[in-house]
């Protein structure tokens, strides 16, 4: 079995994020934060190959509409198989995205049992007449052409929040998130307007400002499917469900890889200082 991250990595770059350029008010509303999620195998669907899965996901988002947006993620998971084998998979990701969403620099490391098995390091650009991704690593990887309307992670998130805030029930756009050297994905979202409190926050540790803000913020239930553009059977490569807040924070993660599902519970949320910005 290939590394979970190699074949499914974009799902963890998730939530995070167009032809539709975000409004200034939407960009200003994103809250710099650090979130920790406890990961486990979702008992509603158990793979014949994977008997157990535990781990932790850390997401740190900072930046603003003046200097650009920085995203860091660390996902470690221990997988147990039916034959008694155990594997520790470790995804380390960091990126910078230009304020206008036209440039995306990323660095993805994938380790298995402490040994690096893959690195995807490069730069995506929507500038000029031919949007593309140029890879520094792996060495020799060809340039990846992108559709003109491709979004990079933060601006996909901004556009998704904007669509949800306007009452849209669906949203879709090509997206590239730095997880693959062969393809971008078509991300299609179904958005459900929320009603009432989010019970998924009950076990999360939050400092004063974050706790008060999260209780009052608007949120939506999002089901996001990632399709390969060359897939003609109509089935998504994987799906991600979560509760999306208007400030960019997510809770109640559900990641569906067709043969097994993973759940992520938000256990800690810390707001980070906002950097001054006067675009």
Protein backbone atom coordinates (compact mmCIF):
# COMPACT_ATOMS: atom_id res chain seq x y z
CA UNK A 1 0.00 0.00 0.00
CA UNK A 2 1.39 3.42 -0.93
CA UNK A 3 1.76 6.01 1.78
CA UNK A 4 -1.62 7.31 2.81
CA UNK A 5 -0.26 10.82 2.41
CA UNK A 6 1.12 10.26 -1.08
CA UNK A 7 -2.17 9.16 -2.54
CA UNK A 8 -4.52 11.15 -0.36
CA UNK A 9 -2.43 14.06 0.84
CA UNK A 10 -4.59 16.88 -0.48
CA UNK A 11 -7.35 15.94 1.90
CA UNK A 12 -5.20 17.06 4.80
CA UNK A 13 -4.33 20.28 3.19
CA UNK A 14 -7.91 20.57 3.48
CA UNK A 15 -9.83 22.69 4.84
CA UNK A 16 -7.85 25.12 4.28
CA UNK A 17 -8.52 26.42 0.75
CA UNK A 18 -10.33 30.97 -7.32
CA UNK A 19 -11.55 32.46 -9.90
CA UNK A 20 -13.49 34.29 -7.21
CA UNK A 21 -11.10 36.67 -5.51
CA UNK A 22 -12.01 37.11 -1.84
CA UNK A 23 -13.47 40.35 -0.65
CA UNK A 24 -11.30 42.36 1.73
CA UNK A 25 -13.82 41.79 4.51
CA UNK A 26 -13.57 38.02 4.06
CA UNK A 27 -9.77 38.07 4.13
CA UNK A 28 -9.74 40.31 7.18
CA UNK A 29 -12.10 37.90 8.96
CA UNK A 30 -9.71 34.93 8.92
CA UNK A 31 -8.32 34.37 12.39
CA UNK A 32 -4.66 33.34 12.76
CA UNK A 33 -4.77 30.22 14.89
CA UNK A 34 -3.25 26.92 15.95
CA UNK A 35 -5.59 23.92 16.09
CA UNK A 36 -4.91 20.37 17.29
CA UNK A 37 -7.10 17.42 16.30
CA UNK A 38 -7.01 13.88 17.70
CA UNK A 39 -7.32 11.41 14.83
CA UNK A 40 -8.83 7.91 14.96
CA UNK A 41 -10.34 5.30 12.70
CA UNK A 42 -14.04 5.96 12.23
CA UNK A 43 -15.89 2.87 13.42
CA UNK A 44 -18.68 3.36 10.91
CA UNK A 45 -16.48 1.78 8.22
CA UNK A 46 -13.51 -0.46 8.89
CA UNK A 47 -11.07 -1.56 6.20
CA UNK A 48 -10.18 -5.23 5.86
CA UNK A 49 -6.53 -4.13 5.79
CA UNK A 50 -6.44 -1.50 8.56
CA UNK A 51 -7.43 -2.68 12.02
CA UNK A 52 -6.50 0.46 13.94
CA UNK A 53 -5.47 4.06 13.42
CA UNK A 54 -4.62 6.84 15.87
CA UNK A 55 -2.84 10.12 15.45
CA UNK A 56 -2.76 13.87 15.75
CA UNK A 57 -3.14 16.72 13.29
CA UNK A 58 -1.75 20.20 13.96
CA UNK A 59 -2.74 23.14 11.76
CA UNK A 60 -1.23 26.60 12.14
CA UNK A 61 -2.47 29.44 9.97
CA UNK A 62 -1.01 32.96 10.01
CA UNK A 63 -0.74 35.97 7.72
CA UNK A 64 -2.89 38.67 6.21
CA UNK A 65 -3.99 40.32 2.98
CA UNK A 66 -0.85 42.51 2.93
CA UNK A 67 2.01 40.03 3.40
CA UNK A 68 0.38 36.79 2.27
CA UNK A 69 -0.80 33.70 4.10
CA UNK A 70 1.29 31.00 5.78
CA UNK A 71 0.01 27.52 6.51
CA UNK A 72 1.82 24.79 8.45
CA UNK A 73 0.52 21.29 9.09
CA UNK A 74 1.87 18.23 10.85
CA UNK A 75 -0.05 14.97 10.73
CA UNK A 76 1.24 11.84 12.44
CA UNK A 77 -0.69 8.59 12.37
CA UNK A 78 0.05 5.09 13.59
CA UNK A 79 -1.66 2.41 11.52
CA UNK A 80 -2.18 -1.20 12.54
CA UNK A 81 -2.97 -3.87 9.98
CA UNK A 82 -4.92 -7.11 10.32
CA UNK A 83 -1.71 -9.16 10.07
CA UNK A 84 -0.17 -7.41 13.10
CA UNK A 85 1.97 -4.88 11.26
CA UNK A 86 2.39 -1.30 12.42
CA UNK A 87 3.39 1.79 10.45
CA UNK A 88 3.94 5.38 11.57
CA UNK A 89 3.25 7.91 8.81
CA UNK A 90 4.26 11.53 9.19
CA UNK A 91 3.23 14.41 6.93
CA UNK A 92 4.98 17.77 7.32
CA UNK A 93 3.68 20.61 5.19
CA UNK A 94 4.29 24.34 5.00
CA UNK A 95 3.32 26.93 2.42
CA UNK A 96 3.11 30.61 1.61
CA UNK A 97 0.43 32.11 -0.61
CA UNK A 98 0.48 35.59 -2.11
CA UNK A 99 -2.23 38.05 -1.01
CA UNK A 100 -3.88 37.92 -4.45
CA UNK A 101 -3.66 34.12 -4.62
CA UNK A 102 -1.50 34.09 -7.75
CA UNK A 103 1.64 32.54 -6.22
CA UNK A 104 1.85 29.45 -4.01
CA UNK A 105 5.13 28.16 -2.53
CA UNK A 106 4.99 24.81 -0.77
CA UNK A 107 7.17 22.15 0.85
CA UNK A 108 5.74 18.71 1.66
CA UNK A 109 7.70 15.98 3.47
CA UNK A 110 6.35 12.44 3.80
CA UNK A 111 8.02 10.06 6.25
CA UNK A 112 7.26 6.41 7.02
CA UNK A 113 8.71 4.93 10.21
CA UNK A 114 11.01 7.92 10.54
CA UNK A 115 12.46 7.69 7.03
CA UNK A 116 11.62 10.26 4.37
CA UNK A 117 10.00 8.53 1.41
CA UNK A 118 8.97 11.59 -0.58
CA UNK A 119 9.38 15.33 -0.76
CA UNK A 120 7.29 17.61 -2.97
CA UNK A 121 8.80 21.08 -3.09
CA UNK A 122 7.89 23.72 -5.60
CA UNK A 123 6.02 26.82 -6.66
CA UNK A 124 2.65 27.26 -8.31
CA UNK A 125 1.82 30.39 -10.28
CA UNK A 126 -1.30 31.81 -11.89
CA UNK A 127 0.66 34.74 -13.27
CA UNK A 128 1.13 34.99 -17.01
CA UNK A 129 -0.83 33.16 -19.66
CA UNK A 130 -0.06 29.59 -18.60
CA UNK A 131 -0.74 28.74 -14.93
CA UNK A 132 1.53 25.93 -13.79
CA UNK A 133 3.48 24.29 -10.99
CA UNK A 134 7.28 24.06 -11.17
CA UNK A 135 8.89 21.46 -8.92
CA UNK A 136 12.32 21.69 -7.32
CA UNK A 137 11.79 18.22 -5.84
CA UNK A 138 11.39 15.50 -6.87
CA UNK A 139 14.25 16.14 -9.24
CA UNK A 140 13.22 15.87 -12.86
CA UNK A 141 9.50 16.20 -12.25
CA UNK A 142 7.89 17.89 -15.28
CA UNK A 143 5.98 21.13 -14.98
CA UNK A 144 2.33 20.61 -14.11
CA UNK A 145 -0.10 22.72 -16.20
CA UNK A 146 -3.09 24.10 -14.32
CA UNK A 147 -6.50 25.35 -15.46
CA UNK A 148 -6.70 29.14 -15.57
CA UNK A 149 -9.25 29.21 -12.74
CA UNK A 150 -7.22 27.03 -10.34
CA UNK A 151 -7.20 28.13 -6.70
CA UNK A 152 -4.47 27.58 -4.15
CA UNK A 153 -5.44 26.55 -0.58
CA UNK A 154 -6.07 29.81 1.28
CA UNK A 155 -7.98 31.45 -1.54
CA UNK A 156 -10.05 28.35 -2.04
CA UNK A 157 -11.00 28.60 1.64
CA UNK A 158 -11.77 32.30 1.35
CA UNK A 159 -14.00 31.69 -1.66
CA UNK A 160 -15.76 28.79 0.07
CA UNK A 161 -16.50 30.95 3.12
CA UNK A 162 -17.75 33.72 0.85
CA UNK A 163 -20.07 31.32 -0.99
CA UNK A 164 -21.39 29.91 2.29
CA UNK A 165 -21.97 33.40 3.69
CA UNK A 166 -24.03 34.29 0.63
CA UNK A 167 -26.26 31.26 1.19
CA UNK A 168 -24.90 29.14 -1.64
CA UNK A 169 -25.54 25.41 -1.25
CA UNK A 170 -22.79 24.25 -3.60
CA UNK A 171 -19.36 25.46 -4.61
CA UNK A 172 -16.70 23.96 -6.88
CA UNK A 173 -13.34 24.97 -8.30
CA UNK A 174 -10.08 23.40 -9.48
CA UNK A 175 -7.54 23.41 -6.64
CA UNK A 176 -3.87 22.58 -6.22
CA UNK A 177 -2.61 22.06 -2.65
CA UNK A 178 0.99 20.89 -3.02
CA UNK A 179 0.36 17.18 -2.47
CA UNK A 180 0.82 15.70 -5.94
CA UNK A 181 3.21 16.05 -8.87
CA UNK A 182 0.83 14.53 -11.40
CA UNK A 183 -2.48 16.34 -11.10
CA UNK A 184 -4.63 19.07 -9.61
CA UNK A 185 -8.09 18.21 -8.26
CA UNK A 186 -11.60 19.46 -8.82
CA UNK A 187 -13.00 20.22 -5.37
CA UNK A 188 -16.78 20.25 -5.09
CA UNK A 189 -18.53 21.28 -1.88
CA UNK A 190 -22.06 20.80 -0.58
CA UNK A 191 -22.81 23.44 2.04
CA UNK A 192 -25.49 23.17 4.73
CA UNK A 193 -26.43 26.19 6.80
CA UNK A 194 -25.90 25.54 10.51
CA UNK A 195 -28.49 25.89 13.22
CA UNK A 196 -27.67 26.10 16.92
CA UNK A 197 -24.47 25.39 18.81
CA UNK A 198 -21.72 23.16 17.49
CA UNK A 199 -21.54 20.21 19.90
CA UNK A 200 -18.22 19.24 18.27
CA UNK A 201 -16.57 22.00 20.35
CA UNK A 202 -17.56 20.54 23.71
CA UNK A 203 -14.23 18.78 24.36
CA UNK A 204 -11.98 21.46 22.89
CA UNK A 205 -9.68 23.47 25.15
CA UNK A 206 -9.88 27.13 24.16
CA UNK A 207 -8.47 30.25 25.79
CA UNK A 208 -10.86 33.05 26.75
CA UNK A 209 -10.96 35.02 23.50
CA UNK A 210 -11.19 31.90 21.32
CA UNK A 211 -13.89 30.32 23.49
CA UNK A 212 -16.11 33.39 23.44
CA UNK A 213 -15.60 34.02 19.74
CA UNK A 214 -16.24 30.43 18.64
CA UNK A 215 -19.49 30.26 20.55
CA UNK A 216 -20.79 33.30 18.70
CA UNK A 217 -19.38 32.69 15.21
CA UNK A 218 -21.41 31.48 12.26
CA UNK A 219 -20.54 28.02 10.94
CA UNK A 220 -21.60 25.70 8.14
CA UNK A 221 -21.48 21.97 7.57
CA UNK A 222 -19.35 21.26 4.49
CA UNK A 223 -18.95 18.04 2.52
CA UNK A 224 -16.04 18.39 0.11
CA UNK A 225 -15.25 15.85 -2.63
CA UNK A 226 -11.94 15.76 -4.51
CA UNK A 227 -12.10 14.46 -8.10
CA UNK A 228 -9.23 13.75 -10.45
CA UNK A 229 -9.89 15.66 -13.69
CA UNK A 230 -9.12 12.52 -15.74
CA UNK A 231 -11.51 10.29 -13.78
CA UNK A 232 -14.52 9.47 -15.95
CA UNK A 233 -16.47 7.26 -13.53
CA UNK A 234 -17.66 10.26 -11.50
CA UNK A 235 -16.42 8.87 -8.17
CA UNK A 236 -14.31 11.13 -5.94
CA UNK A 237 -10.76 10.19 -5.01
CA UNK A 238 -11.70 11.00 -1.41
CA UNK A 239 -14.13 13.15 0.57
CA UNK A 240 -13.75 15.44 3.57
CA UNK A 241 -16.55 16.59 5.86
CA UNK A 242 -16.21 19.26 8.54
CA UNK A 243 -17.81 22.20 10.30
CA UNK A 244 -16.39 25.40 8.82
CA UNK A 245 -16.46 28.64 10.81
CA UNK A 246 -16.52 32.07 9.23
CA UNK A 247 -13.10 32.80 10.79
CA UNK A 248 -11.49 29.83 9.00
CA UNK A 249 -11.42 27.37 11.94
CA UNK A 250 -12.74 23.84 11.38
CA UNK A 251 -14.16 21.17 13.70
CA UNK A 252 -15.70 17.69 13.42
CA UNK A 253 -13.40 16.38 10.68
CA UNK A 254 -14.46 13.30 8.70
CA UNK A 255 -12.13 11.98 5.99
CA UNK A 256 -13.45 9.25 3.70
CA UNK A 257 -10.97 7.29 1.57
CA UNK A 258 -13.61 4.90 0.21
CA UNK A 259 -12.11 1.79 1.87
CA UNK A 260 -11.85 3.37 5.32
CA UNK A 261 -12.82 6.53 7.17
CA UNK A 262 -10.95 8.74 9.64
CA UNK A 263 -12.43 11.11 12.24
CA UNK A 264 -10.69 14.12 13.77
CA UNK A 265 -11.85 15.82 16.97
CA UNK A 266 -10.77 19.37 17.73
CA UNK A 267 -9.14 19.19 21.16
CA UNK A 268 -7.24 22.49 21.41
CA UNK A 269 -7.59 25.87 19.76
CA UNK A 270 -5.35 28.87 20.34
CA UNK A 271 -5.74 32.23 18.65
CA UNK A 272 -2.47 33.69 17.42
CA UNK A 273 -1.67 37.40 17.27
CA UNK A 274 -3.06 39.18 14.22
CA UNK A 275 -0.51 41.12 12.20
CA UNK A 276 -1.39 44.73 11.31
CA UNK A 277 -2.47 45.14 7.72
CA UNK A 278 -3.53 48.22 5.77
CA UNK A 279 -3.75 47.17 2.12
